[in-house]
Amino acid sequence: MVQKYQSPVRVYKHPFELIMAAYERRFPTCPLIPMFVASDTVNEYKSEDEAIHVIERRCKLDIDAPRLLKKEWIMSTLSRRIL
């Protein structure tokens, strides 16, 4: 028999929009992720109704790898539309 998994519901003390804005601002230098050295926002897109927010970042990593692999492009998408 297949077991069903239900993820825990998170209850925040502040509005979700404020939490996401704080997350976007702290992302480049989060102390919990020590391998991230720096991050630059390359491109940012918001839809007219602000339901979709796409941020494209260029990140520098502090890892044991060749020099070409230490720079990485990251794209994060936030969709607030209800399906």
N, C-alpha and C. Protein backbone atom coordinates (compact mmCIF):
# COMPACT_ATOMS: atom_id res chain seq x y z
N MET A 1 0.84 -1.18 0.00
CA MET A 1 0.00 0.00 0.00
C MET A 1 0.89 1.25 0.00
N VAL A 2 0.52 2.22 -0.80
CA VAL A 2 1.28 3.46 -0.90
C VAL A 2 0.86 4.40 0.21
N GLN A 3 1.86 4.94 0.89
CA GLN A 3 1.58 5.85 1.99
C GLN A 3 1.43 7.27 1.46
N LYS A 4 0.42 7.98 1.90
CA LYS A 4 0.22 9.36 1.47
C LYS A 4 1.01 10.28 2.40
N TYR A 5 1.60 11.31 1.80
CA TYR A 5 2.38 12.27 2.58
C TYR A 5 1.71 13.62 2.50
N GLN A 6 1.54 14.26 3.63
CA GLN A 6 0.99 15.60 3.66
C GLN A 6 2.01 16.49 4.34
N SER A 7 2.45 17.51 3.62
CA SER A 7 3.47 18.40 4.19
C SER A 7 2.86 19.24 5.31
N PRO A 8 3.69 19.64 6.27
CA PRO A 8 3.17 20.44 7.38
C PRO A 8 2.76 21.83 6.92
N VAL A 9 1.73 22.35 7.52
CA VAL A 9 1.24 23.69 7.20
C VAL A 9 2.04 24.68 8.03
N ARG A 10 2.59 25.68 7.37
CA ARG A 10 3.38 26.68 8.07
C ARG A 10 2.51 27.91 8.35
N VAL A 11 2.57 28.37 9.58
CA VAL A 11 1.84 29.56 9.98
C VAL A 11 2.88 30.63 10.31
N TYR A 12 2.81 31.74 9.59
CA TYR A 12 3.77 32.82 9.78
C TYR A 12 3.15 33.93 10.63
N LYS A 13 4.00 34.62 11.37
CA LYS A 13 3.54 35.73 12.20
C LYS A 13 3.31 36.99 11.38
N HIS A 14 3.90 37.04 10.17
CA HIS A 14 3.82 38.22 9.31
C HIS A 14 3.19 37.82 7.98
N PRO A 15 2.73 38.81 7.19
CA PRO A 15 2.16 38.49 5.88
C PRO A 15 3.18 37.79 4.98
N PHE A 16 2.70 36.88 4.16
CA PHE A 16 3.59 36.09 3.30
C PHE A 16 4.40 36.98 2.35
N GLU A 17 3.80 38.07 1.85
CA GLU A 17 4.51 38.97 0.94
C GLU A 17 5.72 39.59 1.63
N LEU A 18 5.58 39.94 2.90
CA LEU A 18 6.70 40.51 3.66
C LEU A 18 7.80 39.48 3.86
N ILE A 19 7.42 38.24 4.12
CA ILE A 19 8.40 37.16 4.29
C ILE A 19 9.17 36.93 3.00
N MET A 20 8.47 36.92 1.86
CA MET A 20 9.14 36.72 0.57
C MET A 20 10.07 37.88 0.25
N ALA A 21 9.66 39.11 0.56
CA ALA A 21 10.53 40.26 0.32
C ALA A 21 11.79 40.17 1.17
N ALA A 22 11.65 39.76 2.42
CA ALA A 22 12.83 39.60 3.28
C ALA A 22 13.73 38.49 2.76
N TYR A 23 13.14 37.39 2.28
CA TYR A 23 13.93 36.29 1.73
C TYR A 23 14.72 36.74 0.51
N GLU A 24 14.08 37.51 -0.38
CA GLU A 24 14.76 37.98 -1.59
C GLU A 24 15.92 38.91 -1.24
N ARG A 25 15.79 39.70 -0.19
CA ARG A 25 16.87 40.62 0.19
C ARG A 25 18.03 39.91 0.88
N ARG A 26 17.77 38.88 1.67
CA ARG A 26 18.85 38.23 2.41
C ARG A 26 19.50 37.10 1.64
N PHE A 27 18.91 36.67 0.55
CA PHE A 27 19.39 35.50 -0.19
C PHE A 27 20.87 35.55 -0.54
N PRO A 28 21.39 36.66 -1.09
CA PRO A 28 22.80 36.63 -1.53
C PRO A 28 23.82 36.39 -0.44
N THR A 29 23.54 36.78 0.77
CA THR A 29 24.56 36.65 1.83
C THR A 29 24.01 35.91 3.05
N CYS A 30 23.25 34.90 2.83
CA CYS A 30 22.68 34.14 3.94
C CYS A 30 23.78 33.36 4.66
N PRO A 31 23.96 33.55 5.98
CA PRO A 31 25.03 32.84 6.70
C PRO A 31 24.80 31.34 6.80
N LEU A 32 23.57 30.88 6.55
CA LEU A 32 23.29 29.45 6.60
C LEU A 32 23.77 28.72 5.34
N ILE A 33 24.10 29.48 4.31
CA ILE A 33 24.61 28.90 3.07
C ILE A 33 26.00 29.49 2.84
N PRO A 34 27.05 28.98 3.49
CA PRO A 34 28.37 29.61 3.44
C PRO A 34 29.06 29.51 2.08
N MET A 35 28.59 28.64 1.19
CA MET A 35 29.26 28.53 -0.11
C MET A 35 28.92 29.68 -1.05
N PHE A 36 27.85 30.46 -0.77
CA PHE A 36 27.53 31.62 -1.59
C PHE A 36 28.41 32.78 -1.17
N VAL A 37 29.16 33.33 -2.10
CA VAL A 37 30.03 34.46 -1.80
C VAL A 37 29.34 35.77 -2.14
N ALA A 38 28.71 35.82 -3.32
CA ALA A 38 28.05 37.05 -3.76
C ALA A 38 26.96 36.71 -4.75
N SER A 39 26.08 37.67 -4.98
CA SER A 39 25.00 37.47 -5.92
C SER A 39 24.61 38.82 -6.53
N ASP A 40 24.41 38.83 -7.84
CA ASP A 40 23.98 40.03 -8.55
C ASP A 40 22.66 39.72 -9.26
N THR A 41 21.71 40.64 -9.19
CA THR A 41 20.46 40.46 -9.91
C THR A 41 20.68 40.89 -11.35
N VAL A 42 20.53 39.96 -12.29
CA VAL A 42 20.76 40.22 -13.71
C VAL A 42 19.49 40.72 -14.37
N ASN A 43 18.37 40.07 -14.08
CA ASN A 43 17.12 40.42 -14.72
C ASN A 43 15.99 40.17 -13.73
N GLU A 44 15.00 41.05 -13.75
CA GLU A 44 13.85 40.89 -12.86
C GLU A 44 12.58 41.20 -13.65
N TYR A 45 11.58 40.34 -13.51
CA TYR A 45 10.32 40.51 -14.24
C TYR A 45 9.15 40.32 -13.29
N LYS A 46 8.18 41.24 -13.36
CA LYS A 46 6.92 41.11 -12.63
C LYS A 46 5.79 41.24 -13.63
N SER A 47 4.80 40.35 -13.53
CA SER A 47 3.64 40.45 -14.41
C SER A 47 2.80 41.66 -13.99
N GLU A 48 1.87 42.05 -14.86
CA GLU A 48 1.07 43.24 -14.59
C GLU A 48 0.23 43.11 -13.31
N ASP A 49 -0.30 41.91 -13.07
CA ASP A 49 -1.10 41.70 -11.86
C ASP A 49 -0.24 41.26 -10.67
N GLU A 50 1.07 41.26 -10.84
CA GLU A 50 2.06 40.88 -9.82
C GLU A 50 1.85 39.47 -9.29
N ALA A 51 1.27 38.60 -10.11
CA ALA A 51 1.07 37.22 -9.70
C ALA A 51 2.34 36.40 -9.93
N ILE A 52 3.14 36.80 -10.90
CA ILE A 52 4.38 36.08 -11.21
C ILE A 52 5.56 37.03 -11.04
N HIS A 53 6.57 36.58 -10.31
CA HIS A 53 7.77 37.37 -10.07
C HIS A 53 8.97 36.48 -10.37
N VAL A 54 9.74 36.84 -11.40
CA VAL A 54 10.90 36.05 -11.82
C VAL A 54 12.15 36.88 -11.57
N ILE A 55 13.12 36.29 -10.86
CA ILE A 55 14.41 36.95 -10.60
C ILE A 55 15.51 36.06 -11.15
N GLU A 56 16.37 36.64 -11.98
CA GLU A 56 17.51 35.92 -12.52
C GLU A 56 18.77 36.48 -11.87
N ARG A 57 19.54 35.61 -11.20
CA ARG A 57 20.72 36.05 -10.47
C ARG A 57 21.98 35.39 -11.00
N ARG A 58 23.09 36.07 -10.84
CA ARG A 58 24.41 35.51 -11.13
C ARG A 58 25.12 35.38 -9.79
N CYS A 59 25.47 34.16 -9.44
CA CYS A 59 26.05 33.89 -8.12
C CYS A 59 27.50 33.44 -8.22
N LYS A 60 28.29 33.82 -7.24
CA LYS A 60 29.66 33.31 -7.10
C LYS A 60 29.67 32.31 -5.96
N LEU A 61 30.30 31.17 -6.22
CA LEU A 61 30.34 30.10 -5.23
C LEU A 61 31.76 29.89 -4.72
N ASP A 62 31.89 29.52 -3.47
CA ASP A 62 33.18 29.20 -2.87
C ASP A 62 33.26 27.68 -2.70
N ILE A 63 33.63 26.99 -3.78
CA ILE A 63 33.71 25.53 -3.77
C ILE A 63 35.01 25.09 -4.42
N ASP A 64 35.39 23.84 -4.21
CA ASP A 64 36.57 23.29 -4.86
C ASP A 64 36.17 22.81 -6.25
N ALA A 65 36.37 23.68 -7.24
CA ALA A 65 36.01 23.37 -8.62
C ALA A 65 36.84 24.26 -9.54
N PRO A 66 36.91 23.92 -10.82
CA PRO A 66 37.60 24.82 -11.75
C PRO A 66 36.94 26.20 -11.76
N ARG A 67 37.70 27.18 -12.18
CA ARG A 67 37.25 28.57 -12.12
C ARG A 67 35.95 28.81 -12.90
N LEU A 68 35.79 28.15 -14.03
CA LEU A 68 34.59 28.36 -14.83
C LEU A 68 33.32 27.87 -14.13
N LEU A 69 33.45 26.90 -13.25
CA LEU A 69 32.28 26.36 -12.58
C LEU A 69 31.90 27.12 -11.31
N LYS A 70 32.70 28.08 -10.90
CA LYS A 70 32.41 28.81 -9.67
C LYS A 70 31.38 29.91 -9.87
N LYS A 71 31.05 30.23 -11.12
CA LYS A 71 30.01 31.23 -11.40
C LYS A 71 28.78 30.50 -11.90
N GLU A 72 27.65 30.86 -11.40
CA GLU A 72 26.43 30.12 -11.71
C GLU A 72 25.28 31.09 -11.91
N TRP A 73 24.36 30.73 -12.80
CA TRP A 73 23.15 31.52 -13.04
C TRP A 73 22.00 30.82 -12.34
N ILE A 74 21.23 31.56 -11.58
CA ILE A 74 20.09 31.00 -10.88
C ILE A 74 18.86 31.82 -11.24
N MET A 75 17.77 31.12 -11.55
CA MET A 75 16.52 31.81 -11.83
C MET A 75 15.47 31.29 -10.85
N SER A 76 14.86 32.19 -10.11
CA SER A 76 13.81 31.79 -9.18
C SER A 76 12.50 32.42 -9.62
N THR A 77 11.43 31.65 -9.55
CA THR A 77 10.12 32.10 -9.98
C THR A 77 9.14 31.95 -8.83
N LEU A 78 8.38 33.00 -8.58
CA LEU A 78 7.34 32.97 -7.56
C LEU A 78 6.02 33.20 -8.26
N SER A 79 5.12 32.25 -8.15
CA SER A 79 3.79 32.36 -8.77
C SER A 79 2.75 32.45 -7.66
N ARG A 80 1.96 33.51 -7.68
CA ARG A 80 0.91 33.70 -6.67
C ARG A 80 -0.47 33.39 -7.23
N ARG A 81 -0.53 32.87 -8.43
CA ARG A 81 -1.82 32.54 -9.03
C ARG A 81 -2.36 31.25 -8.44
N ILE A 82 -3.65 31.22 -8.24
CA ILE A 82 -4.31 30.02 -7.73
C ILE A 82 -4.78 29.22 -8.93
N LEU A 83 -4.36 27.95 -8.98
CA LEU A 83 -4.72 27.12 -10.12
C LEU A 83 -6.06 26.49 -9.93
